[in-house]
């Protein structure tokens, strides 16, 4: 049985980055779709998610990218996280910007 997955251009880019970094095409597609879900939740309110930090430890996070808060705290550099293959978000627990690498996302609750 064949499975067909339809993705947009940005999802395909993320899947390719993850595939290159992990060596797994399947992992690339699955995590890219998880990132799509996470970004949607971040835009629409506070998202709850789990990822591996750069040092290898796990981080359970609550974050947002909703409009008013992001505009009020923007620092003016204007670089999209997708340009550097990361997801940027405002950490609602610590009150600061954080980011995670695409391939390090583990779960979106």
PDB file of N, CA and C in Angstrom:
ATOM      1  N   UNK A   1       0.840  -1.172   0.000  1.00  0.00           N
ATOM      2  CA  UNK A   1       0.000   0.000   0.000  1.00  0.00           C
ATOM      3  C   UNK A   1       0.890   1.241   0.000  1.00  0.00           C
ATOM      4  N   UNK A   2       0.602   2.175  -0.880  1.00  0.00           N
ATOM      5  CA  UNK A   2       1.346   3.427  -0.947  1.00  0.00           C
ATOM      6  C   UNK A   2       0.664   4.485  -0.112  1.00  0.00           C
ATOM      7  N   UNK A   3       1.483   5.339   0.488  1.00  0.00           N
ATOM      8  CA  UNK A   3       0.963   6.477   1.221  1.00  0.00           C
ATOM      9  C   UNK A   3       1.396   7.727   0.497  1.00  0.00           C
ATOM     10  N   UNK A   4       0.465   8.621   0.260  1.00  0.00           N
ATOM     11  CA  UNK A   4       0.786   9.878  -0.403  1.00  0.00           C
ATOM     12  C   UNK A   4       0.642  10.988   0.623  1.00  0.00           C
ATOM     13  N   UNK A   5       1.687  11.784   0.749  1.00  0.00           N
ATOM     14  CA  UNK A   5       1.678  12.909   1.670  1.00  0.00           C
ATOM     15  C   UNK A   5       1.783  14.179   0.843  1.00  0.00           C
ATOM     16  N   UNK A   6       0.842  15.079   1.026  1.00  0.00           N
ATOM     17  CA  UNK A   6       0.850  16.343   0.305  1.00  0.00           C
ATOM     18  C   UNK A   6       1.399  17.411   1.243  1.00  0.00           C
ATOM     19  N   UNK A   7       2.419  18.103   0.767  1.00  0.00           N
ATOM     20  CA  UNK A   7       3.036  19.145   1.592  1.00  0.00           C
ATOM     21  C   UNK A   7       3.180  20.420   0.763  1.00  0.00           C
ATOM     22  N   UNK A   8       3.232  21.551   1.460  1.00  0.00           N
ATOM     23  CA  UNK A   8       3.479  22.807   0.755  1.00  0.00           C
ATOM     24  C   UNK A   8       4.987  23.018   0.623  1.00  0.00           C
ATOM     25  N   UNK A   9       5.396  24.084  -0.014  1.00  0.00           N
ATOM     26  CA  UNK A   9       6.814  24.345  -0.260  1.00  0.00           C
ATOM     27  C   UNK A   9       7.645  24.456   1.002  1.00  0.00           C
ATOM     28  N   UNK A  10       7.123  25.142   2.023  1.00  0.00           N
ATOM     29  CA  UNK A  10       7.891  25.322   3.259  1.00  0.00           C
ATOM     30  C   UNK A  10       8.001  24.003   4.012  1.00  0.00           C
ATOM     31  N   UNK A  11       6.941  23.215   4.017  1.00  0.00           N
ATOM     32  CA  UNK A  11       6.990  21.913   4.672  1.00  0.00           C
ATOM     33  C   UNK A  11       8.013  21.019   3.970  1.00  0.00           C
ATOM     34  N   UNK A  12       8.051  21.063   2.648  1.00  0.00           N
ATOM     35  CA  UNK A  12       9.030  20.280   1.888  1.00  0.00           C
ATOM     36  C   UNK A  12      10.442  20.728   2.213  1.00  0.00           C
ATOM     37  N   UNK A  13      10.654  22.037   2.345  1.00  0.00           N
ATOM     38  CA  UNK A  13      11.979  22.552   2.724  1.00  0.00           C
ATOM     39  C   UNK A  13      12.386  22.017   4.094  1.00  0.00           C
ATOM     40  N   UNK A  14      11.467  22.114   5.052  1.00  0.00           N
ATOM     41  CA  UNK A  14      11.769  21.621   6.405  1.00  0.00           C
ATOM     42  C   UNK A  14      12.060  20.124   6.387  1.00  0.00           C
ATOM     43  N   UNK A  15      11.255  19.363   5.639  1.00  0.00           N
ATOM     44  CA  UNK A  15      11.470  17.912   5.548  1.00  0.00           C
ATOM     45  C   UNK A  15      12.846  17.608   4.976  1.00  0.00           C
ATOM     46  N   UNK A  16      13.264  18.363   3.969  1.00  0.00           N
ATOM     47  CA  UNK A  16      14.580  18.163   3.366  1.00  0.00           C
ATOM     48  C   UNK A  16      15.704  18.473   4.353  1.00  0.00           C
ATOM     49  N   UNK A  17      15.567  19.554   5.106  1.00  0.00           N
ATOM     50  CA  UNK A  17      16.575  19.909   6.120  1.00  0.00           C
ATOM     51  C   UNK A  17      16.680  18.806   7.169  1.00  0.00           C
ATOM     52  N   UNK A  18      15.534  18.355   7.666  1.00  0.00           N
ATOM     53  CA  UNK A  18      15.528  17.312   8.695  1.00  0.00           C
ATOM     54  C   UNK A  18      16.089  16.014   8.143  1.00  0.00           C
ATOM     55  N   UNK A  19      15.718  15.644   6.917  1.00  0.00           N
ATOM     56  CA  UNK A  19      16.230  14.434   6.287  1.00  0.00           C
ATOM     57  C   UNK A  19      17.757  14.503   6.160  1.00  0.00           C
ATOM     58  N   UNK A  20      18.265  15.641   5.745  1.00  0.00           N
ATOM     59  CA  UNK A  20      19.708  15.801   5.606  1.00  0.00           C
ATOM     60  C   UNK A  20      20.412  15.667   6.950  1.00  0.00           C
ATOM     61  N   UNK A  21      19.832  16.253   7.992  1.00  0.00           N
ATOM     62  CA  UNK A  21      20.463  16.234   9.310  1.00  0.00           C
ATOM     63  C   UNK A  21      20.337  14.888  10.020  1.00  0.00           C
ATOM     64  N   UNK A  22      19.243  14.150   9.743  1.00  0.00           N
ATOM     65  CA  UNK A  22      19.024  12.884  10.461  1.00  0.00           C
ATOM     66  C   UNK A  22      19.313  11.662   9.607  1.00  0.00           C
ATOM     67  N   UNK A  23      19.358  11.827   8.289  1.00  0.00           N
ATOM     68  CA  UNK A  23      19.574  10.699   7.400  1.00  0.00           C
ATOM     69  C   UNK A  23      18.331   9.859   7.164  1.00  0.00           C
ATOM     70  N   UNK A  24      17.165  10.366   7.537  1.00  0.00           N
ATOM     71  CA  UNK A  24      15.922   9.606   7.405  1.00  0.00           C
ATOM     72  C   UNK A  24      14.855  10.435   6.703  1.00  0.00           C
ATOM     73  N   UNK A  25      14.436   9.978   5.514  1.00  0.00           N
ATOM     74  CA  UNK A  25      13.377  10.681   4.782  1.00  0.00           C
ATOM     75  C   UNK A  25      12.061  10.633   5.554  1.00  0.00           C
ATOM     76  N   UNK A  26      11.748   9.479   6.138  1.00  0.00           N
ATOM     77  CA  UNK A  26      10.508   9.340   6.903  1.00  0.00           C
ATOM     78  C   UNK A  26      10.497  10.299   8.090  1.00  0.00           C
ATOM     79  N   UNK A  27      11.620  10.392   8.795  1.00  0.00           N
ATOM     80  CA  UNK A  27      11.719  11.309   9.933  1.00  0.00           C
ATOM     81  C   UNK A  27      11.553  12.745   9.459  1.00  0.00           C
ATOM     82  N   UNK A  28      12.097  13.054   8.291  1.00  0.00           N
ATOM     83  CA  UNK A  28      11.974  14.401   7.746  1.00  0.00           C
ATOM     84  C   UNK A  28      10.535  14.801   7.530  1.00  0.00           C
ATOM     85  N   UNK A  29       9.746  13.912   6.928  1.00  0.00           N
ATOM     86  CA  UNK A  29       8.345  14.215   6.645  1.00  0.00           C
ATOM     87  C   UNK A  29       7.531  14.311   7.938  1.00  0.00           C
ATOM     88  N   UNK A  30       7.726  13.366   8.842  1.00  0.00           N
ATOM     89  CA  UNK A  30       6.959  13.357  10.096  1.00  0.00           C
ATOM     90  C   UNK A  30       7.245  14.613  10.918  1.00  0.00           C
ATOM     91  N   UNK A  31       8.512  14.932  11.087  1.00  0.00           N
ATOM     92  CA  UNK A  31       8.850  16.105  11.914  1.00  0.00           C
ATOM     93  C   UNK A  31       8.450  17.401  11.232  1.00  0.00           C
ATOM     94  N   UNK A  32       8.537  17.462   9.910  1.00  0.00           N
ATOM     95  CA  UNK A  32       8.115  18.671   9.200  1.00  0.00           C
ATOM     96  C   UNK A  32       6.625  18.908   9.413  1.00  0.00           C
ATOM     97  N   UNK A  33       5.836  17.843   9.403  1.00  0.00           N
ATOM     98  CA  UNK A  33       4.405  17.989   9.663  1.00  0.00           C
ATOM     99  C   UNK A  33       4.147  18.376  11.120  1.00  0.00           C
ATOM    100  N   UNK A  34       4.953  17.869  12.048  1.00  0.00           N
ATOM    101  CA  UNK A  34       4.832  18.283  13.454  1.00  0.00           C
ATOM    102  C   UNK A  34       5.139  19.777  13.594  1.00  0.00           C
ATOM    103  N   UNK A  35       6.131  20.253  12.844  1.00  0.00           N
ATOM    104  CA  UNK A  35       6.478  21.672  12.900  1.00  0.00           C
ATOM    105  C   UNK A  35       5.331  22.513  12.361  1.00  0.00           C
ATOM    106  N   UNK A  36       4.683  22.061  11.289  1.00  0.00           N
ATOM    107  CA  UNK A  36       3.507  22.770  10.780  1.00  0.00           C
ATOM    108  C   UNK A  36       2.444  22.898  11.872  1.00  0.00           C
ATOM    109  N   UNK A  37       2.179  21.807  12.569  1.00  0.00           N
ATOM    110  CA  UNK A  37       1.203  21.815  13.663  1.00  0.00           C
ATOM    111  C   UNK A  37       1.641  22.773  14.771  1.00  0.00           C
ATOM    112  N   UNK A  38       2.913  22.692  15.165  1.00  0.00           N
ATOM    113  CA  UNK A  38       3.426  23.565  16.220  1.00  0.00           C
ATOM    114  C   UNK A  38       3.296  25.028  15.821  1.00  0.00           C
ATOM    115  N   UNK A  39       3.700  25.378  14.617  1.00  0.00           N
ATOM    116  CA  UNK A  39       3.642  26.768  14.187  1.00  0.00           C
ATOM    117  C   UNK A  39       2.203  27.290  14.151  1.00  0.00           C
ATOM    118  N   UNK A  40       1.269  26.431  13.758  1.00  0.00           N
ATOM    119  CA  UNK A  40      -0.141  26.830  13.776  1.00  0.00           C
ATOM    120  C   UNK A  40      -0.598  27.109  15.201  1.00  0.00           C
ATOM    121  N   UNK A  41      -0.236  26.230  16.141  1.00  0.00           N
ATOM    122  CA  UNK A  41      -0.621  26.427  17.543  1.00  0.00           C
ATOM    123  C   UNK A  41       0.060  27.661  18.132  1.00  0.00           C
ATOM    124  N   UNK A  42       1.322  27.904  17.768  1.00  0.00           N
ATOM    125  CA  UNK A  42       2.036  29.084  18.260  1.00  0.00           C
ATOM    126  C   UNK A  42       1.376  30.374  17.769  1.00  0.00           C
ATOM    127  N   UNK A  43       0.914  30.381  16.533  1.00  0.00           N
ATOM    128  CA  UNK A  43       0.246  31.568  15.967  1.00  0.00           C
ATOM    129  C   UNK A  43      -1.111  31.832  16.616  1.00  0.00           C
ATOM    130  N   UNK A  44      -1.778  30.769  17.054  1.00  0.00           N
ATOM    131  CA  UNK A  44      -3.152  30.898  17.545  1.00  0.00           C
ATOM    132  C   UNK A  44      -3.280  30.970  19.062  1.00  0.00           C
ATOM    133  N   UNK A  45      -2.185  31.022  19.782  1.00  0.00           N
ATOM    134  CA  UNK A  45      -2.247  31.079  21.240  1.00  0.00           C
ATOM    135  C   UNK A  45      -0.993  30.489  21.841  1.00  0.00           C
ATOM    136  N   UNK A  46      -1.146  29.846  22.979  1.00  0.00           N
ATOM    137  CA  UNK A  46      -0.008  29.241  23.672  1.00  0.00           C
ATOM    138  C   UNK A  46       0.040  27.752  23.337  1.00  0.00           C
ATOM    139  N   UNK A  47       1.176  27.317  22.841  1.00  0.00           N
ATOM    140  CA  UNK A  47       1.387  25.910  22.490  1.00  0.00           C
ATOM    141  C   UNK A  47       2.221  25.234  23.568  1.00  0.00           C
ATOM    142  N   UNK A  48       1.970  23.957  23.775  1.00  0.00           N
ATOM    143  CA  UNK A  48       2.704  23.133  24.732  1.00  0.00           C
ATOM    144  C   UNK A  48       3.433  22.078  23.909  1.00  0.00           C
ATOM    145  N   UNK A  49       4.761  21.984  24.060  1.00  0.00           N
ATOM    146  CA  UNK A  49       5.539  21.075  23.233  1.00  0.00           C
ATOM    147  C   UNK A  49       6.820  20.647  23.951  1.00  0.00           C
ATOM    148  N   UNK A  50       7.464  19.638  23.400  1.00  0.00           N
ATOM    149  CA  UNK A  50       8.672  19.052  23.983  1.00  0.00           C
ATOM    150  C   UNK A  50       9.728  18.963  22.896  1.00  0.00           C
ATOM    151  N   UNK A  51      10.965  19.352  23.239  1.00  0.00           N
ATOM    152  CA  UNK A  51      12.057  19.226  22.288  1.00  0.00           C
ATOM    153  C   UNK A  51      13.379  18.986  23.006  1.00  0.00           C
ATOM    154  N   UNK A  52      14.370  18.536  22.238  1.00  0.00           N
ATOM    155  CA  UNK A  52      15.703  18.318  22.787  1.00  0.00           C
ATOM    156  C   UNK A  52      16.523  19.592  22.589  1.00  0.00           C
ATOM    157  N   UNK A  53      17.119  20.080  23.663  1.00  0.00           N
ATOM    158  CA  UNK A  53      17.951  21.263  23.585  1.00  0.00           C
ATOM    159  C   UNK A  53      19.291  20.909  22.948  1.00  0.00           C
ATOM    160  N   UNK A  54      20.033  21.926  22.590  1.00  0.00           N
ATOM    161  CA  UNK A  54      21.337  21.747  21.943  1.00  0.00           C
ATOM    162  C   UNK A  54      22.285  20.905  22.790  1.00  0.00           C
ATOM    163  N   UNK A  55      22.169  21.031  24.129  1.00  0.00           N
ATOM    164  CA  UNK A  55      23.052  20.272  25.024  1.00  0.00           C
ATOM    165  C   UNK A  55      22.588  18.833  25.253  1.00  0.00           C
ATOM    166  N   UNK A  56      21.468  18.434  24.617  1.00  0.00           N
ATOM    167  CA  UNK A  56      20.964  17.070  24.738  1.00  0.00           C
ATOM    168  C   UNK A  56      19.893  16.880  25.794  1.00  0.00           C
ATOM    169  N   UNK A  57      19.666  17.873  26.631  1.00  0.00           N
ATOM    170  CA  UNK A  57      18.616  17.758  27.644  1.00  0.00           C
ATOM    171  C   UNK A  57      17.255  18.044  27.005  1.00  0.00           C
ATOM    172  N   UNK A  58      16.197  17.582  27.665  1.00  0.00           N
ATOM    173  CA  UNK A  58      14.843  17.797  27.163  1.00  0.00           C
ATOM    174  C   UNK A  58      14.252  19.060  27.758  1.00  0.00           C
ATOM    175  N   UNK A  59      13.474  19.760  26.958  1.00  0.00           N
ATOM    176  CA  UNK A  59      12.798  20.973  27.427  1.00  0.00           C
ATOM    177  C   UNK A  59      11.319  20.851  27.105  1.00  0.00           C
ATOM    178  N   UNK A  60      10.512  20.962  28.148  1.00  0.00           N
ATOM    179  CA  UNK A  60       9.066  21.054  27.987  1.00  0.00           C
ATOM    180  C   UNK A  60       8.751  22.538  27.970  1.00  0.00           C
ATOM    181  N   UNK A  61       8.109  23.000  26.915  1.00  0.00           N
ATOM    182  CA  UNK A  61       7.937  24.440  26.736  1.00  0.00           C
ATOM    183  C   UNK A  61       6.486  24.815  26.496  1.00  0.00           C
ATOM    184  N   UNK A  62       6.173  26.043  26.879  1.00  0.00           N
ATOM    185  CA  UNK A  62       4.907  26.685  26.576  1.00  0.00           C
ATOM    186  C   UNK A  62       5.287  27.993  25.909  1.00  0.00           C
ATOM    187  N   UNK A  63       4.851  28.176  24.676  1.00  0.00           N
ATOM    188  CA  UNK A  63       5.256  29.367  23.948  1.00  0.00           C
ATOM    189  C   UNK A  63       4.180  29.862  23.013  1.00  0.00           C
ATOM    190  N   UNK A  64       4.434  31.033  22.455  1.00  0.00           N
ATOM    191  CA  UNK A  64       3.487  31.643  21.540  1.00  0.00           C
ATOM    192  C   UNK A  64       4.219  32.443  20.471  1.00  0.00           C
ATOM    193  N   UNK A  65       3.536  32.701  19.405  1.00  0.00           N
ATOM    194  CA  UNK A  65       3.966  33.633  18.361  1.00  0.00           C
ATOM    195  C   UNK A  65       2.790  34.522  18.004  1.00  0.00           C
ATOM    196  N   UNK A  66       1.824  34.628  18.910  1.00  0.00           N
ATOM    197  CA  UNK A  66       0.618  35.395  18.597  1.00  0.00           C
ATOM    198  C   UNK A  66       0.964  36.875  18.423  1.00  0.00           C
ATOM    199  N   UNK A  67       0.230  37.504  17.542  1.00  0.00           N
ATOM    200  CA  UNK A  67       0.489  38.846  17.045  1.00  0.00           C
ATOM    201  C   UNK A  67       0.907  39.934  18.003  1.00  0.00           C
ATOM    202  N   UNK A  68       0.047  40.322  18.950  1.00  0.00           N
ATOM    203  CA  UNK A  68       0.327  41.485  19.790  1.00  0.00           C
ATOM    204  C   UNK A  68       1.581  41.316  20.630  1.00  0.00           C
ATOM    205  N   UNK A  69       1.760  40.179  21.240  1.00  0.00           N
ATOM    206  CA  UNK A  69       2.941  39.945  22.069  1.00  0.00           C
ATOM    207  C   UNK A  69       4.205  39.985  21.219  1.00  0.00           C
ATOM    208  N   UNK A  70       4.183  39.349  20.066  1.00  0.00           N
ATOM    209  CA  UNK A  70       5.364  39.312  19.214  1.00  0.00           C
ATOM    210  C   UNK A  70       5.719  40.711  18.711  1.00  0.00           C
ATOM    211  N   UNK A  71       4.725  41.501  18.319  1.00  0.00           N
ATOM    212  CA  UNK A  71       5.006  42.863  17.846  1.00  0.00           C
ATOM    213  C   UNK A  71       5.557  43.720  18.986  1.00  0.00           C
ATOM    214  N   UNK A  72       5.053  43.522  20.198  1.00  0.00           N
ATOM    215  CA  UNK A  72       5.488  44.335  21.337  1.00  0.00           C
ATOM    216  C   UNK A  72       6.918  44.010  21.767  1.00  0.00           C
ATOM    217  N   UNK A  73       7.385  42.794  21.475  1.00  0.00           N
ATOM    218  CA  UNK A  73       8.708  42.388  21.948  1.00  0.00           C
ATOM    219  C   UNK A  73       9.721  42.212  20.824  1.00  0.00           C
ATOM    220  N   UNK A  74       9.348  42.549  19.599  1.00  0.00           N
ATOM    221  CA  UNK A  74      10.225  42.352  18.453  1.00  0.00           C
ATOM    222  C   UNK A  74      11.464  43.233  18.585  1.00  0.00           C
ATOM    223  N   UNK A  75      12.625  42.673  18.253  1.00  0.00           N
ATOM    224  CA  UNK A  75      13.857  43.425  18.397  1.00  0.00           C
ATOM    225  C   UNK A  75      14.311  44.088  17.102  1.00  0.00           C
ATOM    226  N   UNK A  76      13.617  43.879  16.020  1.00  0.00           N
ATOM    227  CA  UNK A  76      13.927  44.598  14.795  1.00  0.00           C
ATOM    228  C   UNK A  76      14.868  43.915  13.832  1.00  0.00           C
ATOM    229  N   UNK A  77      15.435  42.757  14.181  1.00  0.00           N
ATOM    230  CA  UNK A  77      16.329  42.076  13.237  1.00  0.00           C
ATOM    231  C   UNK A  77      15.547  41.457  12.087  1.00  0.00           C
ATOM    232  N   UNK A  78      14.332  40.989  12.367  1.00  0.00           N
ATOM    233  CA  UNK A  78      13.432  40.528  11.328  1.00  0.00           C
ATOM    234  C   UNK A  78      13.848  39.288  10.568  1.00  0.00           C
ATOM    235  N   UNK A  79      14.684  38.440  11.136  1.00  0.00           N
ATOM    236  CA  UNK A  79      15.104  37.220  10.453  1.00  0.00           C
ATOM    237  C   UNK A  79      14.151  36.098  10.825  1.00  0.00           C
ATOM    238  N   UNK A  80      13.554  35.483   9.824  1.00  0.00           N
ATOM    239  CA  UNK A  80      12.644  34.375  10.055  1.00  0.00           C
ATOM    240  C   UNK A  80      13.421  33.162  10.551  1.00  0.00           C
ATOM    241  N   UNK A  81      12.821  32.429  11.496  1.00  0.00           N
ATOM    242  CA  UNK A  81      13.452  31.199  11.973  1.00  0.00           C
ATOM    243  C   UNK A  81      13.647  30.192  10.858  1.00  0.00           C
ATOM    244  N   UNK A  82      12.714  30.179   9.894  1.00  0.00           N
ATOM    245  CA  UNK A  82      12.830  29.248   8.779  1.00  0.00           C
ATOM    246  C   UNK A  82      14.079  29.509   7.947  1.00  0.00           C
ATOM    247  N   UNK A  83      14.566  30.732   7.927  1.00  0.00           N
ATOM    248  CA  UNK A  83      15.776  31.044   7.169  1.00  0.00           C
ATOM    249  C   UNK A  83      17.013  30.390   7.787  1.00  0.00           C
ATOM    250  N   UNK A  84      16.963  30.118   9.069  1.00  0.00           N
ATOM    251  CA  UNK A  84      18.100  29.472   9.740  1.00  0.00           C
ATOM    252  C   UNK A  84      17.709  28.093  10.271  1.00  0.00           C
ATOM    253  N   UNK A  85      16.613  27.538   9.707  1.00  0.00           N
ATOM    254  CA  UNK A  85      16.157  26.175  10.008  1.00  0.00           C
ATOM    255  C   UNK A  85      15.845  25.941  11.473  1.00  0.00           C
ATOM    256  N   UNK A  86      15.162  26.919  12.067  1.00  0.00           N
ATOM    257  CA  UNK A  86      14.725  26.813  13.453  1.00  0.00           C
ATOM    258  C   UNK A  86      13.287  27.323  13.580  1.00  0.00           C
ATOM    259  N   UNK A  87      12.668  26.999  14.706  1.00  0.00           N
ATOM    260  CA  UNK A  87      11.363  27.553  15.074  1.00  0.00           C
ATOM    261  C   UNK A  87      11.617  28.517  16.222  1.00  0.00           C
ATOM    262  N   UNK A  88      11.285  29.787  16.020  1.00  0.00           N
ATOM    263  CA  UNK A  88      11.427  30.790  17.081  1.00  0.00           C
ATOM    264  C   UNK A  88      10.085  30.948  17.774  1.00  0.00           C
ATOM    265  N   UNK A  89      10.119  31.194  19.076  1.00  0.00           N
ATOM    266  CA  UNK A  89       8.886  31.411  19.828  1.00  0.00           C
ATOM    267  C   UNK A  89       9.182  32.236  21.064  1.00  0.00           C
ATOM    268  N   UNK A  90       8.128  32.820  21.636  1.00  0.00           N
ATOM    269  CA  UNK A  90       8.223  33.558  22.892  1.00  0.00           C
ATOM    270  C   UNK A  90       7.888  32.581  24.002  1.00  0.00           C
ATOM    271  N   UNK A  91       8.824  32.347  24.912  1.00  0.00           N
ATOM    272  CA  UNK A  91       8.634  31.424  26.030  1.00  0.00           C
ATOM    273  C   UNK A  91       7.780  32.127  27.084  1.00  0.00           C
ATOM    274  N   UNK A  92       6.561  31.652  27.268  1.00  0.00           N
ATOM    275  CA  UNK A  92       5.642  32.306  28.205  1.00  0.00           C
ATOM    276  C   UNK A  92       6.012  32.054  29.659  1.00  0.00           C
ATOM    277  N   UNK A  93       6.833  31.050  29.926  1.00  0.00           N
ATOM    278  CA  UNK A  93       7.232  30.758  31.302  1.00  0.00           C
ATOM    279  C   UNK A  93       8.411  31.636  31.739  1.00  0.00           C
ATOM    280  N   UNK A  94       9.380  31.837  30.854  1.00  0.00           N
ATOM    281  CA  UNK A  94      10.564  32.610  31.242  1.00  0.00           C
ATOM    282  C   UNK A  94      10.557  34.031  30.692  1.00  0.00           C
ATOM    283  N   UNK A  95       9.613  34.336  29.794  1.00  0.00           N
ATOM    284  CA  UNK A  95       9.506  35.704  29.285  1.00  0.00           C
ATOM    285  C   UNK A  95      10.629  36.105  28.346  1.00  0.00           C
ATOM    286  N   UNK A  96      11.034  35.222  27.457  1.00  0.00           N
ATOM    287  CA  UNK A  96      12.080  35.560  26.493  1.00  0.00           C
ATOM    288  C   UNK A  96      11.961  34.726  25.237  1.00  0.00           C
ATOM    289  N   UNK A  97      12.668  35.164  24.206  1.00  0.00           N
ATOM    290  CA  UNK A  97      12.667  34.403  22.956  1.00  0.00           C
ATOM    291  C   UNK A  97      13.518  33.155  23.090  1.00  0.00           C
ATOM    292  N   UNK A  98      13.069  32.081  22.454  1.00  0.00           N
ATOM    293  CA  UNK A  98      13.787  30.811  22.386  1.00  0.00           C
ATOM    294  C   UNK A  98      13.658  30.295  20.966  1.00  0.00           C
ATOM    295  N   UNK A  99      14.471  29.318  20.635  1.00  0.00           N
ATOM    296  CA  UNK A  99      14.335  28.659  19.335  1.00  0.00           C
ATOM    297  C   UNK A  99      14.745  27.199  19.473  1.00  0.00           C
ATOM    298  N   UNK A 100      14.269  26.398  18.522  1.00  0.00           N
ATOM    299  CA  UNK A 100      14.645  24.994  18.494  1.00  0.00           C
ATOM    300  C   UNK A 100      14.917  24.600  17.057  1.00  0.00           C
ATOM    301  N   UNK A 101      15.855  23.702  16.877  1.00  0.00           N
ATOM    302  CA  UNK A 101      16.170  23.195  15.548  1.00  0.00           C
ATOM    303  C   UNK A 101      15.048  22.271  15.096  1.00  0.00           C
ATOM    304  N   UNK A 102      14.748  22.299  13.798  1.00  0.00           N
ATOM    305  CA  UNK A 102      13.649  21.520  13.253  1.00  0.00           C
ATOM    306  C   UNK A 102      13.680  20.074  13.732  1.00  0.00           C
ATOM    307  N   UNK A 103      14.825  19.427  13.619  1.00  0.00           N
ATOM    308  CA  UNK A 103      14.909  17.985  13.895  1.00  0.00           C
ATOM    309  C   UNK A 103      14.815  17.651  15.383  1.00  0.00           C
ATOM    310  N   UNK A 104      14.889  18.642  16.267  1.00  0.00           N
ATOM    311  CA  UNK A 104      14.864  18.382  17.700  1.00  0.00           C
ATOM    312  C   UNK A 104      13.469  18.378  18.325  1.00  0.00           C
ATOM    313  N   UNK A 105      12.446  18.711  17.541  1.00  0.00           N
ATOM    314  CA  UNK A 105      11.080  18.668  18.053  1.00  0.00           C
ATOM    315  C   UNK A 105      10.687  17.208  18.309  1.00  0.00           C
ATOM    316  N   UNK A 106      10.161  16.944  19.484  1.00  0.00           N
ATOM    317  CA  UNK A 106       9.780  15.569  19.862  1.00  0.00           C
ATOM    318  C   UNK A 106       8.277  15.386  19.878  1.00  0.00           C
ATOM    319  N   UNK A 107       7.547  16.325  20.489  1.00  0.00           N
ATOM    320  CA  UNK A 107       6.106  16.156  20.611  1.00  0.00           C
ATOM    321  C   UNK A 107       5.421  17.493  20.731  1.00  0.00           C
ATOM    322  N   UNK A 108       4.228  17.589  20.140  1.00  0.00           N
ATOM    323  CA  UNK A 108       3.357  18.746  20.308  1.00  0.00           C
ATOM    324  C   UNK A 108       2.115  18.224  21.026  1.00  0.00           C
ATOM    325  N   UNK A 109       1.797  18.826  22.179  1.00  0.00           N
ATOM    326  CA  UNK A 109       0.673  18.356  22.977  1.00  0.00           C
ATOM    327  C   UNK A 109      -0.619  19.039  22.567  1.00  0.00           C
TER     328      UNK A 109
END
